[in-house]
Protein backbone atom coordinates (compact mmCIF):
# COMPACT_ATOMS: atom_id res chain seq x y z
CA MET A 1 -75.00 -56.89 -63.08
CA PHE A 2 -75.50 -60.00 -61.13
CA LYS A 3 -72.28 -61.63 -62.39
CA TYR A 4 -70.36 -59.12 -60.15
CA LEU A 5 -72.52 -60.02 -57.00
CA ASN A 6 -70.14 -62.55 -55.43
CA ILE A 7 -69.58 -63.01 -51.77
CA PRO A 8 -66.20 -60.88 -51.68
CA ASN A 9 -68.03 -58.01 -53.49
CA ILE A 10 -70.94 -58.34 -51.04
CA ILE A 11 -68.49 -58.06 -48.21
CA CYS A 12 -67.05 -55.00 -49.67
CA ILE A 13 -70.42 -53.40 -49.82
CA PHE A 14 -71.46 -54.46 -46.49
CA ARG A 15 -68.37 -52.88 -44.81
CA VAL A 16 -69.28 -49.46 -46.37
CA LEU A 17 -72.75 -49.88 -44.92
CA PHE A 18 -71.48 -51.00 -41.51
CA ALA A 19 -69.05 -47.98 -41.36
CA LEU A 20 -71.94 -45.61 -42.00
CA ALA A 21 -74.16 -47.21 -39.62
CA PHE A 22 -71.72 -47.55 -36.82
CA SER A 23 -70.55 -43.86 -37.33
CA PHE A 24 -74.19 -42.69 -37.15
CA PHE A 25 -74.90 -44.80 -34.02
CA CYS A 26 -71.76 -43.37 -32.29
CA TYR A 27 -72.73 -39.88 -33.30
CA LEU A 28 -76.33 -40.37 -31.89
CA GLY A 29 -74.93 -41.97 -28.70
CA LEU A 30 -72.59 -39.15 -27.99
CA ASN A 31 -75.13 -36.38 -29.02
CA VAL A 32 -78.58 -37.53 -28.03
CA SER A 33 -79.65 -35.74 -24.67
CA ASP A 34 -82.86 -37.55 -23.77
CA ASP A 35 -80.82 -40.49 -22.40
CA SER A 36 -82.78 -42.98 -24.59
CA LEU A 37 -79.90 -45.20 -25.37
CA HIS A 38 -78.67 -45.35 -21.66
CA LEU A 39 -75.05 -45.51 -22.69
CA SER A 40 -72.24 -43.54 -21.29
CA PRO A 41 -69.89 -41.75 -23.64
CA ALA A 42 -67.07 -44.09 -22.77
CA THR A 43 -69.26 -47.17 -23.77
CA VAL A 44 -70.35 -45.47 -27.06
CA LYS A 45 -66.64 -44.71 -27.86
CA LEU A 46 -65.59 -48.25 -26.98
CA PHE A 47 -68.33 -49.73 -29.17
CA PHE A 48 -67.22 -47.37 -32.00
CA SER A 49 -63.59 -48.30 -31.64
CA ILE A 50 -64.41 -51.96 -31.80
CA SER A 51 -66.74 -51.37 -34.82
CA ILE A 52 -63.81 -49.63 -36.73
CA ILE A 53 -61.56 -52.61 -36.14
CA PHE A 54 -64.35 -54.97 -37.35
CA VAL A 55 -64.98 -52.85 -40.57
CA ILE A 56 -61.32 -52.64 -41.27
CA LEU A 57 -60.91 -56.47 -40.70
CA LEU A 58 -63.68 -57.15 -43.21
CA ASP A 59 -61.35 -55.28 -45.70
CA GLY A 60 -58.81 -58.18 -45.33
CA LEU A 61 -61.51 -60.78 -45.25
CA ASP A 62 -62.90 -59.98 -48.72
CA GLY A 63 -59.37 -60.81 -50.29
CA ILE A 64 -59.07 -63.89 -48.33
CA VAL A 65 -62.55 -65.04 -49.36
CA ALA A 66 -61.92 -64.08 -53.12
CA ARG A 67 -58.70 -66.09 -53.30
CA ALA A 68 -60.27 -69.11 -51.31
CA LEU A 69 -63.34 -69.14 -53.65
CA LYS A 70 -61.35 -68.30 -56.69
CA GLN A 71 -63.60 -65.33 -57.31
CA GLU A 72 -60.60 -62.74 -57.81
CA THR A 73 -61.56 -60.32 -60.66
CA GLU A 74 -60.40 -57.04 -61.92
CA PHE A 75 -63.82 -55.59 -61.00
CA GLY A 76 -63.48 -56.91 -57.47
CA ALA A 77 -60.08 -55.43 -57.01
CA LYS A 78 -61.31 -52.05 -58.06
CA LEU A 79 -64.42 -52.32 -56.03
CA ASP A 80 -62.30 -53.10 -52.98
CA ILE A 81 -60.27 -49.94 -53.49
CA PHE A 82 -63.35 -47.97 -54.05
CA CYS A 83 -65.04 -49.36 -50.91
CA ASP A 84 -61.81 -48.67 -48.93
CA ARG A 85 -62.04 -45.02 -49.97
CA LEU A 86 -65.64 -44.79 -49.27
CA VAL A 87 -65.06 -46.26 -45.67
CA GLU A 88 -62.10 -43.93 -45.11
CA ASN A 89 -64.30 -40.93 -46.31
CA ILE A 90 -67.24 -41.78 -44.13
CA TYR A 91 -64.94 -41.80 -41.17
CA LEU A 92 -63.33 -38.50 -42.16
CA ILE A 93 -66.50 -36.83 -42.80
CA PHE A 94 -67.79 -37.96 -39.29
CA TYR A 95 -64.79 -36.75 -37.65
CA VAL A 96 -64.57 -33.13 -39.35
CA PHE A 97 -68.32 -32.44 -39.44
CA PHE A 98 -70.03 -34.26 -36.68
CA PHE A 99 -67.50 -35.24 -33.97
CA LYS A 100 -65.26 -32.19 -34.81
CA THR A 101 -62.13 -33.99 -33.78
CA LEU A 102 -60.14 -33.63 -36.98
CA VAL A 103 -58.81 -30.67 -38.50
CA TRP A 104 -59.68 -29.67 -42.02
CA TRP A 105 -56.35 -29.96 -43.68
CA VAL A 106 -56.00 -33.66 -42.80
CA PHE A 107 -59.50 -34.16 -44.20
CA LEU A 108 -58.65 -32.41 -47.55
CA PHE A 109 -55.32 -34.00 -47.78
CA PHE A 110 -56.92 -37.60 -47.61
CA ILE A 111 -59.76 -36.60 -50.00
CA VAL A 112 -57.32 -35.24 -52.71
CA ARG A 113 -54.71 -38.03 -52.20
CA GLY A 114 -57.38 -40.63 -52.52
CA LEU A 115 -58.90 -39.16 -55.59
CA ALA A 116 -55.63 -38.55 -57.32
CA VAL A 117 -54.23 -42.08 -56.64
CA ASP A 118 -57.44 -43.91 -57.31
CA LEU A 119 -57.97 -42.08 -60.73
CA ILE A 120 -54.47 -43.24 -61.68
CA SER A 121 -54.83 -46.69 -60.33
CA PHE A 122 -58.19 -47.42 -61.87
CA ARG A 123 -56.68 -47.15 -65.32
CA SER A 124 -54.59 -50.13 -64.61
CA SER A 125 -55.53 -53.85 -64.78
CA LYS A 126 -53.60 -54.22 -61.53
CA PRO A 127 -54.85 -51.24 -59.51
CA LEU A 128 -52.32 -51.53 -56.68
CA GLY A 129 -49.45 -51.98 -59.10
CA GLU A 130 -46.31 -53.95 -58.38
CA SER A 131 -44.62 -51.70 -55.88
CA PHE A 132 -43.76 -52.87 -52.38
CA LEU A 133 -45.03 -49.54 -51.05
CA ARG A 134 -48.47 -49.93 -52.75
CA SER A 135 -49.06 -53.73 -53.21
CA SER A 136 -47.18 -55.70 -50.58
CA ARG A 137 -49.30 -57.18 -47.87
CA PHE A 138 -47.00 -55.71 -45.22
CA MET A 139 -47.45 -52.17 -46.39
CA ARG A 140 -51.15 -52.58 -46.88
CA ALA A 141 -51.56 -54.00 -43.34
CA PHE A 142 -49.27 -51.46 -41.75
CA TYR A 143 -51.06 -48.57 -43.48
CA GLY A 144 -54.52 -50.22 -42.50
CA PHE A 145 -53.19 -50.49 -38.91
CA LEU A 146 -52.10 -46.83 -38.78
CA LYS A 147 -55.57 -45.61 -40.09
CA VAL A 148 -57.32 -47.86 -37.50
CA LEU A 149 -55.24 -46.37 -34.70
CA MET A 150 -55.80 -42.83 -36.06
CA PHE A 151 -59.48 -43.40 -36.32
CA ILE A 152 -59.77 -44.93 -32.83
CA PHE A 153 -57.63 -42.14 -31.24
CA LEU A 154 -59.63 -39.47 -32.89
CA ILE A 155 -62.81 -40.66 -31.11
CA TRP A 156 -60.98 -40.55 -27.74
CA GLN A 157 -58.84 -37.43 -28.26
CA PRO A 158 -59.27 -34.53 -30.61
CA ALA A 159 -56.62 -33.39 -33.04
CA LEU A 160 -56.41 -29.67 -32.68
CA PHE A 161 -52.93 -28.82 -34.06
CA ASN A 162 -53.16 -25.30 -32.25
CA SER A 163 -50.33 -25.42 -30.09
CA LEU A 164 -46.48 -26.24 -30.14
CA SER A 165 -46.95 -29.30 -27.91
CA PHE A 166 -48.66 -32.18 -29.89
CA ASN A 167 -50.77 -34.78 -28.46
CA LEU A 168 -50.36 -38.52 -29.35
CA THR A 169 -53.29 -38.29 -31.77
CA GLU A 170 -51.64 -35.49 -33.65
CA TYR A 171 -48.32 -37.40 -33.92
CA LEU A 172 -50.17 -40.60 -35.22
CA ILE A 173 -52.09 -38.41 -37.88
CA LEU A 174 -48.61 -36.90 -39.06
CA VAL A 175 -47.20 -40.50 -39.38
CA THR A 176 -50.25 -41.80 -41.27
CA VAL A 177 -50.10 -38.90 -43.62
CA LEU A 178 -46.46 -39.44 -44.22
CA VAL A 179 -47.00 -43.11 -44.88
CA SER A 180 -49.91 -42.21 -47.10
CA ILE A 181 -47.62 -39.97 -49.19
CA LEU A 182 -45.10 -42.66 -49.45
CA ARG A 183 -47.66 -45.21 -50.52
CA ALA A 184 -48.87 -42.69 -53.34
CA LEU A 185 -45.44 -42.28 -54.78
CA PRO A 186 -45.59 -45.44 -56.92
CA SER A 187 -48.77 -44.36 -58.54
CA PHE A 188 -47.10 -41.13 -59.85
CA PHE A 189 -43.69 -42.59 -60.46
CA LYS A 190 -44.04 -45.97 -61.80
CA LYS A 191 -40.27 -46.91 -61.14
CA ILE A 192 -40.62 -46.65 -57.44
C-alpha cells in the first residue's frame, strides 16, 4: 500500500479533494442566504474559476514531478487517469445537480464516455496508448484547456440548449464534446 504513496500520487489525490472542497465552497457561497460568508456572487465565481485552473494545473504537475523524481509507474499513470475522471465528474455533478447550469445529456455523455474509454484503457500497460489524439502532450493540453474553459464558463453562464440561438458556453460545450469524441476514437480503433 505505502509503496504507491509517492509525491505524484499524493498530488493526484489532493487535486480530487481540492476539486470537491472548492466546488462545495462555491455552492455554499452562492446559496447561503445568512450572509455569513460576506462574499458577492461574482467573488465566489471568480474564486471558483481560479480554483478550477489550480486543480487542472495540478494534473500537469503530477506528471512533471513523477518524471523529475523518476517515480513514473504504471499504477501512477492509471491513478492519474482515474483522478482526472473523478475531478471531471465532481465538476459535472455540481453543475448538473447543484448549480443547475449544465444540461443532462452533456453530463451523461461525459460519464458514459469516461467509463467506456477508461475501462478499455486500464487494460493496457500504457493507458493513454500511442495515438496522437490520446497521448500527445498537445492534445492532452488542448483538451484540458477546453474543459477548463467549459467549467469556468458554466459557472458564469448556464448552458440551456433550449433555443435556436446558442450562447458562447453552449458552443464551447459542443466543441469540447466533439474533441472528447475524437480523443476516444483511438481507444476503440487501435489503428487511429
